Amino acid sequence: SPRIFEVFLERLQRLHPDLQAKDCAFVDDKEENVAAAVMLGFQGVHYDARKAAPGDLQKALQAVGLVLTS
C-alpha cells in the first residue's frame, strides 16, 4: 500500500524537514512494492538477492544516482 511510504516520509521529515521523496531510495524484491514507492516520488530499485550477482545492488543504486561508500 502506498500509505506506508507516506507515513515513512512523514516520519523522516520530522527529523529532516527539507527531505523530499525524491531524496529517498526504496529497495525491494517485489516489483509492486517498488512501483508503489516510485508513484510517490521515491527512487525505486527492484532487487532480488536470490537472483543477483555480486555487485548488482551497487550497480542498480548507481543507476538511480546513489553511490555507496565504505
PDB file of N, CA and C in Angstrom:
ATOM      1  N   SER A   1       0.829  -1.189   0.000  1.00  0.00           N
ATOM      2  CA  SER A   1       0.000   0.000   0.000  1.00  0.00           C
ATOM      3  C   SER A   1       0.871   1.250   0.000  1.00  0.00           C
ATOM      4  N   PRO A   2       0.562   2.199  -0.855  1.00  0.00           N
ATOM      5  CA  PRO A   2       1.352   3.439  -0.885  1.00  0.00           C
ATOM      6  C   PRO A   2       1.339   4.196   0.440  1.00  0.00           C
ATOM      7  N   ARG A   3       0.348   3.986   1.257  1.00  0.00           N
ATOM      8  CA  ARG A   3       0.243   4.731   2.531  1.00  0.00           C
ATOM      9  C   ARG A   3       1.478   4.524   3.408  1.00  0.00           C
ATOM     10  N   ILE A   4       2.036   3.341   3.400  1.00  0.00           N
ATOM     11  CA  ILE A   4       3.203   3.062   4.250  1.00  0.00           C
ATOM     12  C   ILE A   4       4.368   3.977   3.876  1.00  0.00           C
ATOM     13  N   PHE A   5       4.503   4.295   2.593  1.00  0.00           N
ATOM     14  CA  PHE A   5       5.584   5.184   2.158  1.00  0.00           C
ATOM     15  C   PHE A   5       5.306   6.626   2.573  1.00  0.00           C
ATOM     16  N   GLU A   6       4.043   7.004   2.568  1.00  0.00           N
ATOM     17  CA  GLU A   6       3.674   8.338   3.037  1.00  0.00           C
ATOM     18  C   GLU A   6       4.008   8.494   4.525  1.00  0.00           C
ATOM     19  N   VAL A   7       3.668   7.484   5.315  1.00  0.00           N
ATOM     20  CA  VAL A   7       3.956   7.512   6.758  1.00  0.00           C
ATOM     21  C   VAL A   7       5.461   7.560   6.983  1.00  0.00           C
ATOM     22  N   PHE A   8       6.193   6.738   6.258  1.00  0.00           N
ATOM     23  CA  PHE A   8       7.653   6.709   6.376  1.00  0.00           C
ATOM     24  C   PHE A   8       8.248   8.080   6.084  1.00  0.00           C
ATOM     25  N   LEU A   9       7.803   8.699   4.988  1.00  0.00           N
ATOM     26  CA  LEU A   9       8.330  10.005   4.619  1.00  0.00           C
ATOM     27  C   LEU A   9       7.958  11.057   5.660  1.00  0.00           C
ATOM     28  N   GLU A  10       6.733  11.024   6.158  1.00  0.00           N
ATOM     29  CA  GLU A  10       6.308  11.973   7.191  1.00  0.00           C
ATOM     30  C   GLU A  10       7.205  11.872   8.426  1.00  0.00           C
ATOM     31  N   ARG A  11       7.520  10.661   8.822  1.00  0.00           N
ATOM     32  CA  ARG A  11       8.374  10.470   9.998  1.00  0.00           C
ATOM     33  C   ARG A  11       9.793  10.948   9.748  1.00  0.00           C
ATOM     34  N   LEU A  12      10.310  10.678   8.570  1.00  0.00           N
ATOM     35  CA  LEU A  12      11.652  11.168   8.239  1.00  0.00           C
ATOM     36  C   LEU A  12      11.686  12.689   8.196  1.00  0.00           C
ATOM     37  N   GLN A  13      10.613  13.288   7.693  1.00  0.00           N
ATOM     38  CA  GLN A  13      10.580  14.744   7.580  1.00  0.00           C
ATOM     39  C   GLN A  13      10.510  15.435   8.935  1.00  0.00           C
ATOM     40  N   ARG A  14      10.078  14.740   9.950  1.00  0.00           N
ATOM     41  CA  ARG A  14      10.117  15.323  11.297  1.00  0.00           C
ATOM     42  C   ARG A  14      11.557  15.572  11.728  1.00  0.00           C
ATOM     43  N   LEU A  15      12.435  14.674  11.330  1.00  0.00           N
ATOM     44  CA  LEU A  15      13.858  14.806  11.668  1.00  0.00           C
ATOM     45  C   LEU A  15      14.616  15.649  10.650  1.00  0.00           C
ATOM     46  N   HIS A  16      14.166  15.586   9.409  1.00  0.00           N
ATOM     47  CA  HIS A  16      14.836  16.286   8.301  1.00  0.00           C
ATOM     48  C   HIS A  16      13.767  17.018   7.482  1.00  0.00           C
ATOM     49  N   PRO A  17      13.352  18.195   7.920  1.00  0.00           N
ATOM     50  CA  PRO A  17      12.218  18.902   7.307  1.00  0.00           C
ATOM     51  C   PRO A  17      12.336  19.159   5.805  1.00  0.00           C
ATOM     52  N   ASP A  18      13.535  19.293   5.300  1.00  0.00           N
ATOM     53  CA  ASP A  18      13.714  19.584   3.865  1.00  0.00           C
ATOM     54  C   ASP A  18      13.733  18.332   2.999  1.00  0.00           C
ATOM     55  N   LEU A  19      13.649  17.173   3.596  1.00  0.00           N
ATOM     56  CA  LEU A  19      13.715  15.913   2.861  1.00  0.00           C
ATOM     57  C   LEU A  19      12.489  15.732   1.973  1.00  0.00           C
ATOM     58  N   GLN A  20      12.719  15.328   0.758  1.00  0.00           N
ATOM     59  CA  GLN A  20      11.652  15.043  -0.202  1.00  0.00           C
ATOM     60  C   GLN A  20      11.704  13.563  -0.585  1.00  0.00           C
ATOM     61  N   ALA A  21      10.616  13.056  -1.109  1.00  0.00           N
ATOM     62  CA  ALA A  21      10.567  11.646  -1.522  1.00  0.00           C
ATOM     63  C   ALA A  21      11.669  11.331  -2.520  1.00  0.00           C
ATOM     64  N   LYS A  22      11.953  12.264  -3.414  1.00  0.00           N
ATOM     65  CA  LYS A  22      12.986  12.035  -4.439  1.00  0.00           C
ATOM     66  C   LYS A  22      14.369  11.844  -3.833  1.00  0.00           C
ATOM     67  N   ASP A  23      14.541  12.241  -2.570  1.00  0.00           N
ATOM     68  CA  ASP A  23      15.821  12.086  -1.880  1.00  0.00           C
ATOM     69  C   ASP A  23      15.973  10.706  -1.253  1.00  0.00           C
ATOM     70  N   CYS A  24      14.929   9.905  -1.329  1.00  0.00           N
ATOM     71  CA  CYS A  24      14.902   8.594  -0.670  1.00  0.00           C
ATOM     72  C   CYS A  24      14.915   7.469  -1.702  1.00  0.00           C
ATOM     73  N   ALA A  25      15.498   6.366  -1.321  1.00  0.00           N
ATOM     74  CA  ALA A  25      15.505   5.187  -2.178  1.00  0.00           C
ATOM     75  C   ALA A  25      14.821   4.038  -1.458  1.00  0.00           C
ATOM     76  N   PHE A  26      14.053   3.285  -2.208  1.00  0.00           N
ATOM     77  CA  PHE A  26      13.397   2.096  -1.674  1.00  0.00           C
ATOM     78  C   PHE A  26      13.860   0.914  -2.504  1.00  0.00           C
ATOM     79  N   VAL A  27      14.394  -0.099  -1.825  1.00  0.00           N
ATOM     80  CA  VAL A  27      14.893  -1.307  -2.479  1.00  0.00           C
ATOM     81  C   VAL A  27      14.057  -2.476  -1.990  1.00  0.00           C
ATOM     82  N   ASP A  28      13.550  -3.270  -2.927  1.00  0.00           N
ATOM     83  CA  ASP A  28      12.721  -4.415  -2.546  1.00  0.00           C
ATOM     84  C   ASP A  28      12.770  -5.455  -3.654  1.00  0.00           C
ATOM     85  N   ASP A  29      12.434  -6.691  -3.278  1.00  0.00           N
ATOM     86  CA  ASP A  29      12.411  -7.762  -4.272  1.00  0.00           C
ATOM     87  C   ASP A  29      11.045  -7.921  -4.944  1.00  0.00           C
ATOM     88  N   LYS A  30      10.065  -7.151  -4.494  1.00  0.00           N
ATOM     89  CA  LYS A  30       8.729  -7.222  -5.085  1.00  0.00           C
ATOM     90  C   LYS A  30       8.480  -5.971  -5.931  1.00  0.00           C
ATOM     91  N   GLU A  31       8.267  -6.194  -7.217  1.00  0.00           N
ATOM     92  CA  GLU A  31       8.105  -5.073  -8.139  1.00  0.00           C
ATOM     93  C   GLU A  31       6.931  -4.175  -7.769  1.00  0.00           C
ATOM     94  N   GLU A  32       5.842  -4.768  -7.250  1.00  0.00           N
ATOM     95  CA  GLU A  32       4.677  -3.942  -6.902  1.00  0.00           C
ATOM     96  C   GLU A  32       4.980  -2.996  -5.742  1.00  0.00           C
ATOM     97  N   ASN A  33       5.845  -3.401  -4.823  1.00  0.00           N
ATOM     98  CA  ASN A  33       6.237  -2.521  -3.725  1.00  0.00           C
ATOM     99  C   ASN A  33       7.100  -1.370  -4.234  1.00  0.00           C
ATOM    100  N   VAL A  34       8.017  -1.697  -5.126  1.00  0.00           N
ATOM    101  CA  VAL A  34       8.870  -0.664  -5.713  1.00  0.00           C
ATOM    102  C   VAL A  34       8.010   0.316  -6.508  1.00  0.00           C
ATOM    103  N   ALA A  35       7.043  -0.191  -7.267  1.00  0.00           N
ATOM    104  CA  ALA A  35       6.168   0.669  -8.060  1.00  0.00           C
ATOM    105  C   ALA A  35       5.372   1.622  -7.160  1.00  0.00           C
ATOM    106  N   ALA A  36       4.908   1.139  -6.026  1.00  0.00           N
ATOM    107  CA  ALA A  36       4.156   1.987  -5.095  1.00  0.00           C
ATOM    108  C   ALA A  36       5.039   3.115  -4.574  1.00  0.00           C
ATOM    109  N   ALA A  37       6.284   2.812  -4.249  1.00  0.00           N
ATOM    110  CA  ALA A  37       7.208   3.837  -3.767  1.00  0.00           C
ATOM    111  C   ALA A  37       7.504   4.861  -4.861  1.00  0.00           C
ATOM    112  N   VAL A  38       7.701   4.378  -6.065  1.00  0.00           N
ATOM    113  CA  VAL A  38       8.002   5.265  -7.194  1.00  0.00           C
ATOM    114  C   VAL A  38       6.816   6.190  -7.475  1.00  0.00           C
ATOM    115  N   MET A  39       5.604   5.679  -7.334  1.00  0.00           N
ATOM    116  CA  MET A  39       4.406   6.510  -7.551  1.00  0.00           C
ATOM    117  C   MET A  39       4.383   7.725  -6.630  1.00  0.00           C
ATOM    118  N   LEU A  40       4.990   7.583  -5.463  1.00  0.00           N
ATOM    119  CA  LEU A  40       5.028   8.691  -4.502  1.00  0.00           C
ATOM    120  C   LEU A  40       6.291   9.540  -4.629  1.00  0.00           C
ATOM    121  N   GLY A  41       7.144   9.207  -5.592  1.00  0.00           N
ATOM    122  CA  GLY A  41       8.319  10.032  -5.851  1.00  0.00           C
ATOM    123  C   GLY A  41       9.639   9.489  -5.342  1.00  0.00           C
ATOM    124  N   PHE A  42       9.614   8.332  -4.670  1.00  0.00           N
ATOM    125  CA  PHE A  42      10.851   7.721  -4.203  1.00  0.00           C
ATOM    126  C   PHE A  42      11.655   7.198  -5.391  1.00  0.00           C
ATOM    127  N   GLN A  43      12.962   7.092  -5.193  1.00  0.00           N
ATOM    128  CA  GLN A  43      13.788   6.345  -6.134  1.00  0.00           C
ATOM    129  C   GLN A  43      13.511   4.874  -5.846  1.00  0.00           C
ATOM    130  N   GLY A  44      13.246   4.093  -6.842  1.00  0.00           N
ATOM    131  CA  GLY A  44      12.927   2.691  -6.619  1.00  0.00           C
ATOM    132  C   GLY A  44      13.903   1.766  -7.296  1.00  0.00           C
ATOM    133  N   VAL A  45      14.284   0.715  -6.565  1.00  0.00           N
ATOM    134  CA  VAL A  45      15.199  -0.279  -7.111  1.00  0.00           C
ATOM    135  C   VAL A  45      14.611  -1.655  -6.842  1.00  0.00           C
ATOM    136  N   HIS A  46      14.328  -2.366  -7.922  1.00  0.00           N
ATOM    137  CA  HIS A  46      13.882  -3.752  -7.783  1.00  0.00           C
ATOM    138  C   HIS A  46      15.137  -4.610  -7.715  1.00  0.00           C
ATOM    139  N   TYR A  47      15.285  -5.335  -6.615  1.00  0.00           N
ATOM    140  CA  TYR A  47      16.497  -6.133  -6.398  1.00  0.00           C
ATOM    141  C   TYR A  47      16.125  -7.425  -5.708  1.00  0.00           C
ATOM    142  N   ASP A  48      16.450  -8.530  -6.339  1.00  0.00           N
ATOM    143  CA  ASP A  48      16.194  -9.858  -5.781  1.00  0.00           C
ATOM    144  C   ASP A  48      17.542 -10.515  -5.503  1.00  0.00           C
ATOM    145  N   ALA A  49      17.930 -10.530  -4.249  1.00  0.00           N
ATOM    146  CA  ALA A  49      19.244 -11.056  -3.861  1.00  0.00           C
ATOM    147  C   ALA A  49      19.411 -12.521  -4.249  1.00  0.00           C
ATOM    148  N   ARG A  50      18.306 -13.245  -4.340  1.00  0.00           N
ATOM    149  CA  ARG A  50      18.403 -14.667  -4.704  1.00  0.00           C
ATOM    150  C   ARG A  50      18.852 -14.853  -6.144  1.00  0.00           C
ATOM    151  N   LYS A  51      18.627 -13.859  -6.982  1.00  0.00           N
ATOM    152  CA  LYS A  51      18.955 -13.969  -8.407  1.00  0.00           C
ATOM    153  C   LYS A  51      20.112 -13.071  -8.824  1.00  0.00           C
ATOM    154  N   ALA A  52      20.567 -12.249  -7.923  1.00  0.00           N
ATOM    155  CA  ALA A  52      21.571 -11.241  -8.266  1.00  0.00           C
ATOM    156  C   ALA A  52      22.986 -11.780  -8.196  1.00  0.00           C
ATOM    157  N   ALA A  53      23.814 -11.169  -8.994  1.00  0.00           N
ATOM    158  CA  ALA A  53      25.248 -11.455  -8.966  1.00  0.00           C
ATOM    159  C   ALA A  53      25.910 -10.443  -8.039  1.00  0.00           C
ATOM    160  N   PRO A  54      27.102 -10.768  -7.531  1.00  0.00           N
ATOM    161  CA  PRO A  54      27.813  -9.802  -6.703  1.00  0.00           C
ATOM    162  C   PRO A  54      27.983  -8.472  -7.448  1.00  0.00           C
ATOM    163  N   GLY A  55      27.682  -7.397  -6.754  1.00  0.00           N
ATOM    164  CA  GLY A  55      27.824  -6.074  -7.340  1.00  0.00           C
ATOM    165  C   GLY A  55      26.564  -5.541  -8.005  1.00  0.00           C
ATOM    166  N   ASP A  56      25.536  -6.378  -8.190  1.00  0.00           N
ATOM    167  CA  ASP A  56      24.312  -5.934  -8.865  1.00  0.00           C
ATOM    168  C   ASP A  56      23.581  -4.840  -8.095  1.00  0.00           C
ATOM    169  N   LEU A  57      23.531  -4.946  -6.774  1.00  0.00           N
ATOM    170  CA  LEU A  57      22.841  -3.916  -5.999  1.00  0.00           C
ATOM    171  C   LEU A  57      23.556  -2.576  -6.139  1.00  0.00           C
ATOM    172  N   GLN A  58      24.849  -2.588  -6.045  1.00  0.00           N
ATOM    173  CA  GLN A  58      25.609  -1.354  -6.191  1.00  0.00           C
ATOM    174  C   GLN A  58      25.356  -0.727  -7.561  1.00  0.00           C
ATOM    175  N   LYS A  59      25.325  -1.543  -8.608  1.00  0.00           N
ATOM    176  CA  LYS A  59      25.059  -1.027  -9.958  1.00  0.00           C
ATOM    177  C   LYS A  59      23.650  -0.463 -10.061  1.00  0.00           C
ATOM    178  N   ALA A  60      22.680  -1.135  -9.456  1.00  0.00           N
ATOM    179  CA  ALA A  60      21.289  -0.668  -9.505  1.00  0.00           C
ATOM    180  C   ALA A  60      21.141   0.656  -8.768  1.00  0.00           C
ATOM    181  N   LEU A  61      21.817   0.791  -7.641  1.00  0.00           N
ATOM    182  CA  LEU A  61      21.765   2.047  -6.895  1.00  0.00           C
ATOM    183  C   LEU A  61      22.448   3.174  -7.673  1.00  0.00           C
ATOM    184  N   GLN A  62      23.555   2.859  -8.306  1.00  0.00           N
ATOM    185  CA  GLN A  62      24.235   3.867  -9.116  1.00  0.00           C
ATOM    186  C   GLN A  62      23.363   4.318 -10.281  1.00  0.00           C
ATOM    187  N   ALA A  63      22.562   3.415 -10.814  1.00  0.00           N
ATOM    188  CA  ALA A  63      21.677   3.737 -11.935  1.00  0.00           C
ATOM    189  C   ALA A  63      20.639   4.790 -11.560  1.00  0.00           C
ATOM    190  N   VAL A  64      20.276   4.863 -10.272  1.00  0.00           N
ATOM    191  CA  VAL A  64      19.324   5.886  -9.828  1.00  0.00           C
ATOM    192  C   VAL A  64      20.042   7.053  -9.144  1.00  0.00           C
ATOM    193  N   GLY A  65      21.371   7.090  -9.280  1.00  0.00           N
ATOM    194  CA  GLY A  65      22.129   8.226  -8.785  1.00  0.00           C
ATOM    195  C   GLY A  65      22.637   8.111  -7.376  1.00  0.00           C
ATOM    196  N   LEU A  66      22.613   6.912  -6.801  1.00  0.00           N
ATOM    197  CA  LEU A  66      23.110   6.718  -5.442  1.00  0.00           C
ATOM    198  C   LEU A  66      24.414   5.933  -5.468  1.00  0.00           C
ATOM    199  N   VAL A  67      25.365   6.406  -4.706  1.00  0.00           N
ATOM    200  CA  VAL A  67      26.662   5.763  -4.646  1.00  0.00           C
ATOM    201  C   VAL A  67      26.959   5.366  -3.215  1.00  0.00           C
ATOM    202  N   LEU A  68      27.276   4.100  -3.024  1.00  0.00           N
ATOM    203  CA  LEU A  68      27.633   3.605  -1.687  1.00  0.00           C
ATOM    204  C   LEU A  68      29.124   3.780  -1.482  1.00  0.00           C
ATOM    205  N   THR A  69      29.483   4.266  -0.316  1.00  0.00           N
ATOM    206  CA  THR A  69      30.895   4.380   0.026  1.00  0.00           C
ATOM    207  C   THR A  69      31.127   3.640   1.334  1.00  0.00           C
ATOM    208  N   SER A  70      32.329   3.174   1.497  1.00  0.00           N
ATOM    209  CA  SER A  70      32.644   2.457   2.744  1.00  0.00           C
ATOM    210  C   SER A  70      33.407   3.314   3.698  1.00  0.00           C
TER     211      SER A  70
END
